[in-house]
Amino acid sequence: MKPDKKRIGGRIQAIRISLGYTLEEFGENLTPPASKSNVSRWEKGKNIPNKARLLSIAKLGGVSTEYLLLGEKKERDQEYYIEKLEVENLELKERIRQYEKVFEDVESLLNSRKNS
């Protein structure tokens, strides 16, 4: 089945508008970034973003790439991204704890040198 470029473009436009972005701002927030004209061409159904940009658009919109391509939104989409963010949050907290430990060790070392 061939993707319906116009419908995909409509879903991309809906995400952009819901975020309050201009064409340019939307493109700047993608990974990799896209030009204003690329975003416009997607929304008009002339082109489809590449896989990396589709994933980035889906992430921004809190939907799956399946939804972007096929229009089939599942309840699981939002839950998936919430779970993914929670995992990333836990990983970041662990990194912060590790950095705090390093800073404590450095501070302790500096204090011990001051006192010697």
PDB file of N, CA and C in Angstrom:
ATOM      1  N   MET A   1       0.843  -1.189   0.000  1.00  0.00           N
ATOM      2  CA  MET A   1       0.000   0.000   0.000  1.00  0.00           C
ATOM      3  C   MET A   1       0.886   1.250   0.000  1.00  0.00           C
ATOM      4  N   LYS A   2       0.591   2.150  -0.877  1.00  0.00           N
ATOM      5  CA  LYS A   2       1.355   3.392  -1.027  1.00  0.00           C
ATOM      6  C   LYS A   2       0.883   4.404   0.020  1.00  0.00           C
ATOM      7  N   PRO A   3       1.833   5.091   0.677  1.00  0.00           N
ATOM      8  CA  PRO A   3       1.431   6.079   1.690  1.00  0.00           C
ATOM      9  C   PRO A   3       0.660   7.246   1.070  1.00  0.00           C
ATOM     10  N   ASP A   4      -0.332   7.724   1.784  1.00  0.00           N
ATOM     11  CA  ASP A   4      -1.125   8.873   1.343  1.00  0.00           C
ATOM     12  C   ASP A   4      -0.420  10.143   1.820  1.00  0.00           C
ATOM     13  N   LYS A   5       0.359  10.754   0.924  1.00  0.00           N
ATOM     14  CA  LYS A   5       1.186  11.906   1.285  1.00  0.00           C
ATOM     15  C   LYS A   5       0.372  13.073   1.828  1.00  0.00           C
ATOM     16  N   LYS A   6      -0.803  13.307   1.271  1.00  0.00           N
ATOM     17  CA  LYS A   6      -1.632  14.441   1.725  1.00  0.00           C
ATOM     18  C   LYS A   6      -2.112  14.230   3.158  1.00  0.00           C
ATOM     19  N   ARG A   7      -2.528  13.012   3.468  1.00  0.00           N
ATOM     20  CA  ARG A   7      -2.985  12.733   4.843  1.00  0.00           C
ATOM     21  C   ARG A   7      -1.831  12.787   5.835  1.00  0.00           C
ATOM     22  N   ILE A   8      -0.691  12.265   5.424  1.00  0.00           N
ATOM     23  CA  ILE A   8       0.500  12.349   6.280  1.00  0.00           C
ATOM     24  C   ILE A   8       0.825  13.820   6.523  1.00  0.00           C
ATOM     25  N   GLY A   9       0.783  14.616   5.470  1.00  0.00           N
ATOM     26  CA  GLY A   9       1.036  16.055   5.592  1.00  0.00           C
ATOM     27  C   GLY A   9       0.052  16.739   6.518  1.00  0.00           C
ATOM     28  N   GLY A  10      -1.196  16.324   6.451  1.00  0.00           N
ATOM     29  CA  GLY A  10      -2.214  16.890   7.343  1.00  0.00           C
ATOM     30  C   GLY A  10      -1.936  16.571   8.801  1.00  0.00           C
ATOM     31  N   ARG A  11      -1.478  15.353   9.061  1.00  0.00           N
ATOM     32  CA  ARG A  11      -1.158  14.978  10.445  1.00  0.00           C
ATOM     33  C   ARG A  11       0.070  15.744  10.939  1.00  0.00           C
ATOM     34  N   ILE A  12       1.051  15.926  10.056  1.00  0.00           N
ATOM     35  CA  ILE A  12       2.246  16.703  10.421  1.00  0.00           C
ATOM     36  C   ILE A  12       1.848  18.149  10.722  1.00  0.00           C
ATOM     37  N   GLN A  13       1.008  18.705   9.868  1.00  0.00           N
ATOM     38  CA  GLN A  13       0.557  20.092  10.075  1.00  0.00           C
ATOM     39  C   GLN A  13      -0.211  20.217  11.391  1.00  0.00           C
ATOM     40  N   ALA A  14      -1.054  19.237  11.691  1.00  0.00           N
ATOM     41  CA  ALA A  14      -1.825  19.277  12.941  1.00  0.00           C
ATOM     42  C   ALA A  14      -0.896  19.270  14.150  1.00  0.00           C
ATOM     43  N   ILE A  15       0.167  18.478  14.085  1.00  0.00           N
ATOM     44  CA  ILE A  15       1.133  18.443  15.188  1.00  0.00           C
ATOM     45  C   ILE A  15       1.823  19.793  15.317  1.00  0.00           C
ATOM     46  N   ARG A  16       2.272  20.332  14.190  1.00  0.00           N
ATOM     47  CA  ARG A  16       2.966  21.631  14.222  1.00  0.00           C
ATOM     48  C   ARG A  16       2.078  22.717  14.811  1.00  0.00           C
ATOM     49  N   ILE A  17       0.838  22.770  14.361  1.00  0.00           N
ATOM     50  CA  ILE A  17      -0.091  23.799  14.829  1.00  0.00           C
ATOM     51  C   ILE A  17      -0.398  23.609  16.314  1.00  0.00           C
ATOM     52  N   SER A  18      -0.571  22.352  16.732  1.00  0.00           N
ATOM     53  CA  SER A  18      -0.868  22.099  18.155  1.00  0.00           C
ATOM     54  C   SER A  18       0.283  22.542  19.050  1.00  0.00           C
ATOM     55  N   LEU A  19       1.496  22.524  18.516  1.00  0.00           N
ATOM     56  CA  LEU A  19       2.667  22.971  19.279  1.00  0.00           C
ATOM     57  C   LEU A  19       2.860  24.489  19.201  1.00  0.00           C
ATOM     58  N   GLY A  20       2.126  25.134  18.305  1.00  0.00           N
ATOM     59  CA  GLY A  20       2.233  26.585  18.161  1.00  0.00           C
ATOM     60  C   GLY A  20       3.480  27.023  17.415  1.00  0.00           C
ATOM     61  N   TYR A  21       4.045  26.145  16.594  1.00  0.00           N
ATOM     62  CA  TYR A  21       5.255  26.466  15.854  1.00  0.00           C
ATOM     63  C   TYR A  21       4.950  27.002  14.461  1.00  0.00           C
ATOM     64  N   THR A  22       5.798  27.896  14.004  1.00  0.00           N
ATOM     65  CA  THR A  22       5.774  28.289  12.597  1.00  0.00           C
ATOM     66  C   THR A  22       6.442  27.154  11.820  1.00  0.00           C
ATOM     67  N   LEU A  23       6.376  27.216  10.499  1.00  0.00           N
ATOM     68  CA  LEU A  23       7.059  26.206   9.685  1.00  0.00           C
ATOM     69  C   LEU A  23       8.547  26.152  10.026  1.00  0.00           C
ATOM     70  N   GLU A  24       9.131  27.333  10.149  1.00  0.00           N
ATOM     71  CA  GLU A  24      10.557  27.434  10.438  1.00  0.00           C
ATOM     72  C   GLU A  24      10.899  26.866  11.821  1.00  0.00           C
ATOM     73  N   GLU A  25      10.133  27.251  12.830  1.00  0.00           N
ATOM     74  CA  GLU A  25      10.386  26.770  14.196  1.00  0.00           C
ATOM     75  C   GLU A  25      10.248  25.248  14.277  1.00  0.00           C
ATOM     76  N   PHE A  26       9.228  24.727  13.604  1.00  0.00           N
ATOM     77  CA  PHE A  26       9.000  23.287  13.606  1.00  0.00           C
ATOM     78  C   PHE A  26      10.222  22.573  13.025  1.00  0.00           C
ATOM     79  N   GLY A  27      10.684  23.041  11.878  1.00  0.00           N
ATOM     80  CA  GLY A  27      11.849  22.441  11.241  1.00  0.00           C
ATOM     81  C   GLY A  27      13.097  22.510  12.108  1.00  0.00           C
ATOM     82  N   GLU A  28      13.271  23.605  12.829  1.00  0.00           N
ATOM     83  CA  GLU A  28      14.439  23.785  13.702  1.00  0.00           C
ATOM     84  C   GLU A  28      14.422  22.819  14.881  1.00  0.00           C
ATOM     85  N   ASN A  29      13.224  22.368  15.288  1.00  0.00           N
ATOM     86  CA  ASN A  29      13.103  21.478  16.439  1.00  0.00           C
ATOM     87  C   ASN A  29      13.173  20.005  16.067  1.00  0.00           C
ATOM     88  N   LEU A  30      13.412  19.708  14.805  1.00  0.00           N
ATOM     89  CA  LEU A  30      13.526  18.320  14.375  1.00  0.00           C
ATOM     90  C   LEU A  30      14.983  17.878  14.388  1.00  0.00           C
ATOM     91  N   THR A  31      15.164  16.575  14.444  1.00  0.00           N
ATOM     92  CA  THR A  31      16.499  16.000  14.379  1.00  0.00           C
ATOM     93  C   THR A  31      16.521  15.012  13.238  1.00  0.00           C
ATOM     94  N   PRO A  32      17.274  15.260  12.192  1.00  0.00           N
ATOM     95  CA  PRO A  32      18.026  16.488  11.930  1.00  0.00           C
ATOM     96  C   PRO A  32      17.082  17.628  11.556  1.00  0.00           C
ATOM     97  N   PRO A  33      17.528  18.869  11.753  1.00  0.00           N
ATOM     98  CA  PRO A  33      16.685  20.020  11.424  1.00  0.00           C
ATOM     99  C   PRO A  33      16.266  20.009   9.949  1.00  0.00           C
ATOM    100  N   ALA A  34      15.138  20.639   9.684  1.00  0.00           N
ATOM    101  CA  ALA A  34      14.617  20.724   8.314  1.00  0.00           C
ATOM    102  C   ALA A  34      14.320  22.183   7.990  1.00  0.00           C
ATOM    103  N   SER A  35      14.416  22.511   6.723  1.00  0.00           N
ATOM    104  CA  SER A  35      14.132  23.879   6.297  1.00  0.00           C
ATOM    105  C   SER A  35      12.621  24.134   6.307  1.00  0.00           C
ATOM    106  N   LYS A  36      12.287  25.399   6.314  1.00  0.00           N
ATOM    107  CA  LYS A  36      10.886  25.834   6.235  1.00  0.00           C
ATOM    108  C   LYS A  36      10.224  25.259   4.981  1.00  0.00           C
ATOM    109  N   SER A  37      10.957  25.269   3.875  1.00  0.00           N
ATOM    110  CA  SER A  37      10.378  24.778   2.619  1.00  0.00           C
ATOM    111  C   SER A  37      10.136  23.266   2.661  1.00  0.00           C
ATOM    112  N   ASN A  38      11.021  22.519   3.334  1.00  0.00           N
ATOM    113  CA  ASN A  38      10.778  21.076   3.480  1.00  0.00           C
ATOM    114  C   ASN A  38       9.501  20.815   4.272  1.00  0.00           C
ATOM    115  N   VAL A  39       9.349  21.526   5.381  1.00  0.00           N
ATOM    116  CA  VAL A  39       8.154  21.341   6.217  1.00  0.00           C
ATOM    117  C   VAL A  39       6.911  21.679   5.396  1.00  0.00           C
ATOM    118  N   SER A  40       6.964  22.748   4.648  1.00  0.00           N
ATOM    119  CA  SER A  40       5.844  23.148   3.807  1.00  0.00           C
ATOM    120  C   SER A  40       5.511  22.064   2.775  1.00  0.00           C
ATOM    121  N   ARG A  41       6.530  21.495   2.162  1.00  0.00           N
ATOM    122  CA  ARG A  41       6.315  20.445   1.156  1.00  0.00           C
ATOM    123  C   ARG A  41       5.690  19.203   1.799  1.00  0.00           C
ATOM    124  N   TRP A  42       6.103  18.879   3.021  1.00  0.00           N
ATOM    125  CA  TRP A  42       5.495  17.738   3.712  1.00  0.00           C
ATOM    126  C   TRP A  42       4.023  18.000   3.960  1.00  0.00           C
ATOM    127  N   GLU A  43       3.749  19.199   4.494  1.00  0.00           N
ATOM    128  CA  GLU A  43       2.365  19.528   4.846  1.00  0.00           C
ATOM    129  C   GLU A  43       1.452  19.572   3.621  1.00  0.00           C
ATOM    130  N   LYS A  44       1.995  19.935   2.481  1.00  0.00           N
ATOM    131  CA  LYS A  44       1.208  19.979   1.243  1.00  0.00           C
ATOM    132  C   LYS A  44       1.089  18.604   0.594  1.00  0.00           C
ATOM    133  N   GLY A  45       1.776  17.620   1.156  1.00  0.00           N
ATOM    134  CA  GLY A  45       1.699  16.269   0.601  1.00  0.00           C
ATOM    135  C   GLY A  45       2.574  16.051  -0.615  1.00  0.00           C
ATOM    136  N   LYS A  46       3.575  16.894  -0.787  1.00  0.00           N
ATOM    137  CA  LYS A  46       4.461  16.744  -1.941  1.00  0.00           C
ATOM    138  C   LYS A  46       5.592  15.751  -1.661  1.00  0.00           C
ATOM    139  N   ASN A  47       6.041  15.710  -0.435  1.00  0.00           N
ATOM    140  CA  ASN A  47       7.113  14.804   0.003  1.00  0.00           C
ATOM    141  C   ASN A  47       6.736  14.192   1.343  1.00  0.00           C
ATOM    142  N   ILE A  48       7.476  13.155   1.710  1.00  0.00           N
ATOM    143  CA  ILE A  48       7.344  12.540   3.031  1.00  0.00           C
ATOM    144  C   ILE A  48       8.707  12.664   3.713  1.00  0.00           C
ATOM    145  N   PRO A  49       8.728  13.015   4.990  1.00  0.00           N
ATOM    146  CA  PRO A  49      10.015  13.107   5.693  1.00  0.00           C
ATOM    147  C   PRO A  49      10.741  11.759   5.695  1.00  0.00           C
ATOM    148  N   ASN A  50      12.065  11.803   5.817  1.00  0.00           N
ATOM    149  CA  ASN A  50      12.820  10.556   5.943  1.00  0.00           C
ATOM    150  C   ASN A  50      12.551   9.925   7.310  1.00  0.00           C
ATOM    151  N   LYS A  51      13.059   8.726   7.514  1.00  0.00           N
ATOM    152  CA  LYS A  51      12.764   7.974   8.744  1.00  0.00           C
ATOM    153  C   LYS A  51      13.176   8.713  10.011  1.00  0.00           C
ATOM    154  N   ALA A  52      14.361   9.326   9.993  1.00  0.00           N
ATOM    155  CA  ALA A  52      14.843  10.041  11.178  1.00  0.00           C
ATOM    156  C   ALA A  52      13.917  11.200  11.526  1.00  0.00           C
ATOM    157  N   ARG A  53      13.503  11.933  10.517  1.00  0.00           N
ATOM    158  CA  ARG A  53      12.615  13.077  10.764  1.00  0.00           C
ATOM    159  C   ARG A  53      11.211  12.616  11.146  1.00  0.00           C
ATOM    160  N   LEU A  54      10.744  11.517  10.560  1.00  0.00           N
ATOM    161  CA  LEU A  54       9.434  10.981  10.962  1.00  0.00           C
ATOM    162  C   LEU A  54       9.448  10.639  12.446  1.00  0.00           C
ATOM    163  N   LEU A  55      10.516  10.006  12.889  1.00  0.00           N
ATOM    164  CA  LEU A  55      10.641   9.656  14.298  1.00  0.00           C
ATOM    165  C   LEU A  55      10.675  10.908  15.161  1.00  0.00           C
ATOM    166  N   SER A  56      11.394  11.919  14.709  1.00  0.00           N
ATOM    167  CA  SER A  56      11.491  13.173  15.448  1.00  0.00           C
ATOM    168  C   SER A  56      10.129  13.878  15.527  1.00  0.00           C
ATOM    169  N   ILE A  57       9.390  13.880  14.419  1.00  0.00           N
ATOM    170  CA  ILE A  57       8.050  14.491  14.392  1.00  0.00           C
ATOM    171  C   ILE A  57       7.119  13.733  15.325  1.00  0.00           C
ATOM    172  N   ALA A  58       7.190  12.407  15.276  1.00  0.00           N
ATOM    173  CA  ALA A  58       6.344  11.581  16.144  1.00  0.00           C
ATOM    174  C   ALA A  58       6.643  11.876  17.610  1.00  0.00           C
ATOM    175  N   LYS A  59       7.917  11.989  17.929  1.00  0.00           N
ATOM    176  CA  LYS A  59       8.321  12.280  19.315  1.00  0.00           C
ATOM    177  C   LYS A  59       7.779  13.641  19.754  1.00  0.00           C
ATOM    178  N   LEU A  60       7.928  14.652  18.895  1.00  0.00           N
ATOM    179  CA  LEU A  60       7.410  15.993  19.218  1.00  0.00           C
ATOM    180  C   LEU A  60       5.901  15.955  19.458  1.00  0.00           C
ATOM    181  N   GLY A  61       5.214  15.187  18.613  1.00  0.00           N
ATOM    182  CA  GLY A  61       3.755  15.142  18.687  1.00  0.00           C
ATOM    183  C   GLY A  61       3.198  14.145  19.681  1.00  0.00           C
ATOM    184  N   GLY A  62       4.080  13.335  20.286  1.00  0.00           N
ATOM    185  CA  GLY A  62       3.617  12.335  21.243  1.00  0.00           C
ATOM    186  C   GLY A  62       2.788  11.236  20.584  1.00  0.00           C
ATOM    187  N   VAL A  63       3.142  10.898  19.344  1.00  0.00           N
ATOM    188  CA  VAL A  63       2.437   9.849  18.602  1.00  0.00           C
ATOM    189  C   VAL A  63       3.468   8.862  18.059  1.00  0.00           C
ATOM    190  N   SER A  64       2.996   7.803  17.448  1.00  0.00           N
ATOM    191  CA  SER A  64       3.893   6.829  16.837  1.00  0.00           C
ATOM    192  C   SER A  64       4.123   7.193  15.377  1.00  0.00           C
ATOM    193  N   THR A  65       5.182   6.642  14.812  1.00  0.00           N
ATOM    194  CA  THR A  65       5.404   6.834  13.377  1.00  0.00           C
ATOM    195  C   THR A  65       4.303   6.123  12.598  1.00  0.00           C
ATOM    196  N   GLU A  66       3.779   5.051  13.167  1.00  0.00           N
ATOM    197  CA  GLU A  66       2.659   4.340  12.537  1.00  0.00           C
ATOM    198  C   GLU A  66       1.467   5.286  12.375  1.00  0.00           C
ATOM    199  N   TYR A  67       1.212   6.075  13.403  1.00  0.00           N
ATOM    200  CA  TYR A  67       0.113   7.044  13.311  1.00  0.00           C
ATOM    201  C   TYR A  67       0.396   8.059  12.203  1.00  0.00           C
ATOM    202  N   LEU A  68       1.622   8.575  12.165  1.00  0.00           N
ATOM    203  CA  LEU A  68       1.949   9.565  11.130  1.00  0.00           C
ATOM    204  C   LEU A  68       1.734   8.995   9.736  1.00  0.00           C
ATOM    205  N   LEU A  69       2.157   7.769   9.524  1.00  0.00           N
ATOM    206  CA  LEU A  69       2.094   7.174   8.198  1.00  0.00           C
ATOM    207  C   LEU A  69       0.713   6.637   7.837  1.00  0.00           C
ATOM    208  N   LEU A  70       0.025   6.049   8.820  1.00  0.00           N
ATOM    209  CA  LEU A  70      -1.231   5.357   8.523  1.00  0.00           C
ATOM    210  C   LEU A  70      -2.470   5.994   9.139  1.00  0.00           C
ATOM    211  N   GLY A  71      -2.264   6.879  10.095  1.00  0.00           N
ATOM    212  CA  GLY A  71      -3.399   7.530  10.739  1.00  0.00           C
ATOM    213  C   GLY A  71      -4.069   6.686  11.805  1.00  0.00           C
ATOM    214  N   GLU A  72      -3.447   5.576  12.142  1.00  0.00           N
ATOM    215  CA  GLU A  72      -4.019   4.687  13.152  1.00  0.00           C
ATOM    216  C   GLU A  72      -3.418   5.032  14.503  1.00  0.00           C
ATOM    217  N   LYS A  73      -4.204   5.723  15.292  1.00  0.00           N
ATOM    218  CA  LYS A  73      -3.724   6.128  16.605  1.00  0.00           C
ATOM    219  C   LYS A  73      -4.186   5.110  17.630  1.00  0.00           C
ATOM    220  N   LYS A  74      -3.255   4.672  18.422  1.00  0.00           N
ATOM    221  CA  LYS A  74      -3.563   3.699  19.456  1.00  0.00           C
ATOM    222  C   LYS A  74      -3.376   4.365  20.806  1.00  0.00           C
ATOM    223  N   GLU A  75      -4.152   3.918  21.774  1.00  0.00           N
ATOM    224  CA  GLU A  75      -4.025   4.470  23.127  1.00  0.00           C
ATOM    225  C   GLU A  75      -2.600   4.292  23.638  1.00  0.00           C
ATOM    226  N   ARG A  76      -1.963   3.257  23.201  1.00  0.00           N
ATOM    227  CA  ARG A  76      -0.626   2.922  23.659  1.00  0.00           C
ATOM    228  C   ARG A  76       0.409   3.981  23.257  1.00  0.00           C
ATOM    229  N   ASP A  77       0.163   4.741  22.202  1.00  0.00           N
ATOM    230  CA  ASP A  77       1.128   5.724  21.722  1.00  0.00           C
ATOM    231  C   ASP A  77       1.571   6.677  22.827  1.00  0.00           C
ATOM    232  N   GLN A  78       0.595   7.326  23.467  1.00  0.00           N
ATOM    233  CA  GLN A  78       0.923   8.294  24.519  1.00  0.00           C
ATOM    234  C   GLN A  78       1.612   7.593  25.685  1.00  0.00           C
ATOM    235  N   GLU A  79       1.117   6.407  26.071  1.00  0.00           N
ATOM    236  CA  GLU A  79       1.714   5.673  27.181  1.00  0.00           C
ATOM    237  C   GLU A  79       3.158   5.303  26.876  1.00  0.00           C
ATOM    238  N   TYR A  80       3.423   4.906  25.632  1.00  0.00           N
ATOM    239  CA  TYR A  80       4.775   4.525  25.234  1.00  0.00           C
ATOM    240  C   TYR A  80       5.739   5.679  25.457  1.00  0.00           C
ATOM    241  N   TYR A  81       5.367   6.872  25.016  1.00  0.00           N
ATOM    242  CA  TYR A  81       6.276   8.013  25.158  1.00  0.00           C
ATOM    243  C   TYR A  81       6.405   8.449  26.606  1.00  0.00           C
ATOM    244  N   ILE A  82       5.351   8.314  27.382  1.00  0.00           N
ATOM    245  CA  ILE A  82       5.434   8.640  28.809  1.00  0.00           C
ATOM    246  C   ILE A  82       6.391   7.665  29.488  1.00  0.00           C
ATOM    247  N   GLU A  83       6.262   6.371  29.192  1.00  0.00           N
ATOM    248  CA  GLU A  83       7.161   5.372  29.775  1.00  0.00           C
ATOM    249  C   GLU A  83       8.601   5.629  29.345  1.00  0.00           C
ATOM    250  N   LYS A  84       8.788   5.961  28.090  1.00  0.00           N
ATOM    251  CA  LYS A  84      10.134   6.240  27.567  1.00  0.00           C
ATOM    252  C   LYS A  84      10.738   7.437  28.297  1.00  0.00           C
ATOM    253  N   LEU A  85       9.952   8.477  28.514  1.00  0.00           N
ATOM    254  CA  LEU A  85      10.438   9.654  29.233  1.00  0.00           C
ATOM    255  C   LEU A  85      10.760   9.321  30.687  1.00  0.00           C
ATOM    256  N   GLU A  86       9.950   8.467  31.295  1.00  0.00           N
ATOM    257  CA  GLU A  86      10.210   8.080  32.681  1.00  0.00           C
ATOM    258  C   GLU A  86      11.526   7.310  32.797  1.00  0.00           C
ATOM    259  N   VAL A  87      11.795   6.433  31.847  1.00  0.00           N
ATOM    260  CA  VAL A  87      13.051   5.684  31.838  1.00  0.00           C
ATOM    261  C   VAL A  87      14.217   6.646  31.651  1.00  0.00           C
ATOM    262  N   GLU A  88      14.088   7.574  30.694  1.00  0.00           N
ATOM    263  CA  GLU A  88      15.150   8.553  30.469  1.00  0.00           C
ATOM    264  C   GLU A  88      15.369   9.414  31.712  1.00  0.00           C
ATOM    265  N   ASN A  89      14.284   9.758  32.391  1.00  0.00           N
ATOM    266  CA  ASN A  89      14.362  10.554  33.607  1.00  0.00           C
ATOM    267  C   ASN A  89      15.146   9.805  34.686  1.00  0.00           C
ATOM    268  N   LEU A  90      14.865   8.513  34.852  1.00  0.00           N
ATOM    269  CA  LEU A  90      15.588   7.707  35.845  1.00  0.00           C
ATOM    270  C   LEU A  90      17.075   7.614  35.490  1.00  0.00           C
ATOM    271  N   GLU A  91      17.361   7.456  34.203  1.00  0.00           N
ATOM    272  CA  GLU A  91      18.759   7.396  33.769  1.00  0.00           C
ATOM    273  C   GLU A  91      19.477   8.712  34.060  1.00  0.00           C
ATOM    274  N   LEU A  92      18.803   9.820  33.804  1.00  0.00           N
ATOM    275  CA  LEU A  92      19.403  11.131  34.078  1.00  0.00           C
ATOM    276  C   LEU A  92      19.627  11.334  35.573  1.00  0.00           C
ATOM    277  N   LYS A  93      18.672  10.905  36.384  1.00  0.00           N
ATOM    278  CA  LYS A  93      18.834  11.025  37.840  1.00  0.00           C
ATOM    279  C   LYS A  93      20.043  10.233  38.315  1.00  0.00           C
ATOM    280  N   GLU A  94      20.230   9.047  37.751  1.00  0.00           N
ATOM    281  CA  GLU A  94      21.386   8.223  38.117  1.00  0.00           C
ATOM    282  C   GLU A  94      22.687   8.908  37.712  1.00  0.00           C
ATOM    283  N   ARG A  95      22.728   9.501  36.543  1.00  0.00           N
ATOM    284  CA  ARG A  95      23.927  10.239  36.105  1.00  0.00           C
ATOM    285  C   ARG A  95      24.211  11.408  37.040  1.00  0.00           C
ATOM    286  N   ILE A  96      23.158  12.116  37.430  1.00  0.00           N
ATOM    287  CA  ILE A  96      23.325  13.248  38.355  1.00  0.00           C
ATOM    288  C   ILE A  96      23.921  12.762  39.663  1.00  0.00           C
ATOM    289  N   ARG A  97      23.413  11.631  40.170  1.00  0.00           N
ATOM    290  CA  ARG A  97      23.959  11.071  41.419  1.00  0.00           C
ATOM    291  C   ARG A  97      25.443  10.752  41.264  1.00  0.00           C
ATOM    292  N   GLN A  98      25.812  10.197  40.120  1.00  0.00           N
ATOM    293  CA  GLN A  98      27.219   9.872  39.874  1.00  0.00           C
ATOM    294  C   GLN A  98      28.073  11.137  39.849  1.00  0.00           C
ATOM    295  N   TYR A  99      27.587  12.176  39.179  1.00  0.00           N
ATOM    296  CA  TYR A  99      28.335  13.439  39.138  1.00  0.00           C
ATOM    297  C   TYR A  99      28.423  14.070  40.521  1.00  0.00           C
ATOM    298  N   GLU A 100      27.361  13.992  41.289  1.00  0.00           N
ATOM    299  CA  GLU A 100      27.389  14.540  42.645  1.00  0.00           C
ATOM    300  C   GLU A 100      28.446  13.828  43.486  1.00  0.00           C
ATOM    301  N   LYS A 101      28.557  12.519  43.317  1.00  0.00           N
ATOM    302  CA  LYS A 101      29.563  11.751  44.052  1.00  0.00           C
ATOM    303  C   LYS A 101      30.962  12.203  43.655  1.00  0.00           C
ATOM    304  N   VAL A 102      31.185  12.414  42.363  1.00  0.00           N
ATOM    305  CA  VAL A 102      32.494  12.885  41.893  1.00  0.00           C
ATOM    306  C   VAL A 102      32.793  14.260  42.493  1.00  0.00           C
ATOM    307  N   PHE A 103      31.815  15.153  42.468  1.00  0.00           N
ATOM    308  CA  PHE A 103      32.017  16.487  43.035  1.00  0.00           C
ATOM    309  C   PHE A 103      32.306  16.413  44.537  1.00  0.00           C
ATOM    310  N   GLU A 104      31.621  15.533  45.246  1.00  0.00           N
ATOM    311  CA  GLU A 104      31.883  15.365  46.680  1.00  0.00           C
ATOM    312  C   GLU A 104      33.310  14.884  46.912  1.00  0.00           C
ATOM    313  N   ASP A 105      33.742  13.931  46.082  1.00  0.00           N
ATOM    314  CA  ASP A 105      35.103  13.409  46.210  1.00  0.00           C
ATOM    315  C   ASP A 105      36.141  14.501  45.935  1.00  0.00           C
ATOM    316  N   VAL A 106      35.901  15.311  44.910  1.00  0.00           N
ATOM    317  CA  VAL A 106      36.820  16.400  44.578  1.00  0.00           C
ATOM    318  C   VAL A 106      36.838  17.422  45.712  1.00  0.00           C
ATOM    319  N   GLU A 107      35.666  17.757  46.223  1.00  0.00           N
ATOM    320  CA  GLU A 107      35.581  18.716  47.328  1.00  0.00           C
ATOM    321  C   GLU A 107      36.311  18.192  48.560  1.00  0.00           C
ATOM    322  N   SER A 108      36.136  16.923  48.859  1.00  0.00           N
ATOM    323  CA  SER A 108      36.818  16.306  49.989  1.00  0.00           C
ATOM    324  C   SER A 108      38.325  16.345  49.807  1.00  0.00           C
ATOM    325  N   LEU A 109      38.768  16.047  48.608  1.00  0.00           N
ATOM    326  CA  LEU A 109      40.199  16.083  48.311  1.00  0.00           C
ATOM    327  C   LEU A 109      40.757  17.496  48.474  1.00  0.00           C
ATOM    328  N   LEU A 110      40.038  18.489  47.954  1.00  0.00           N
ATOM    329  CA  LEU A 110      40.479  19.882  48.083  1.00  0.00           C
ATOM    330  C   LEU A 110      40.539  20.309  49.547  1.00  0.00           C
ATOM    331  N   ASN A 111      39.530  19.933  50.320  1.00  0.00           N
ATOM    332  CA  ASN A 111      39.509  20.280  51.738  1.00  0.00           C
ATOM    333  C   ASN A 111      40.671  19.621  52.489  1.00  0.00           C
ATOM    334  N   SER A 112      40.965  18.379  52.145  1.00  0.00           N
ATOM    335  CA  SER A 112      42.061  17.695  52.824  1.00  0.00           C
ATOM    336  C   SER A 112      43.409  18.350  52.494  1.00  0.00           C
ATOM    337  N   ARG A 113      43.543  18.856  51.285  1.00  0.00           N
ATOM    338  CA  ARG A 113      44.781  19.551  50.901  1.00  0.00           C
ATOM    339  C   ARG A 113      44.905  20.914  51.578  1.00  0.00           C
ATOM    340  N   LYS A 114      43.745  21.564  51.764  1.00  0.00           N
ATOM    341  CA  LYS A 114      43.767  22.868  52.463  1.00  0.00           C
ATOM    342  C   LYS A 114      44.208  22.693  53.903  1.00  0.00           C
ATOM    343  N   ASN A 115      43.759  21.614  54.518  1.00  0.00           N
ATOM    344  CA  ASN A 115      44.046  21.378  55.920  1.00  0.00           C
ATOM    345  C   ASN A 115      45.450  20.795  56.174  1.00  0.00           C
ATOM    346  N   SER A 116      46.162  20.431  55.092  1.00  0.00           N
ATOM    347  CA  SER A 116      47.496  19.868  55.308  1.00  0.00           C
ATOM    348  C   SER A 116      48.592  20.905  55.258  1.00  0.00           C
TER     349      SER A 116
END
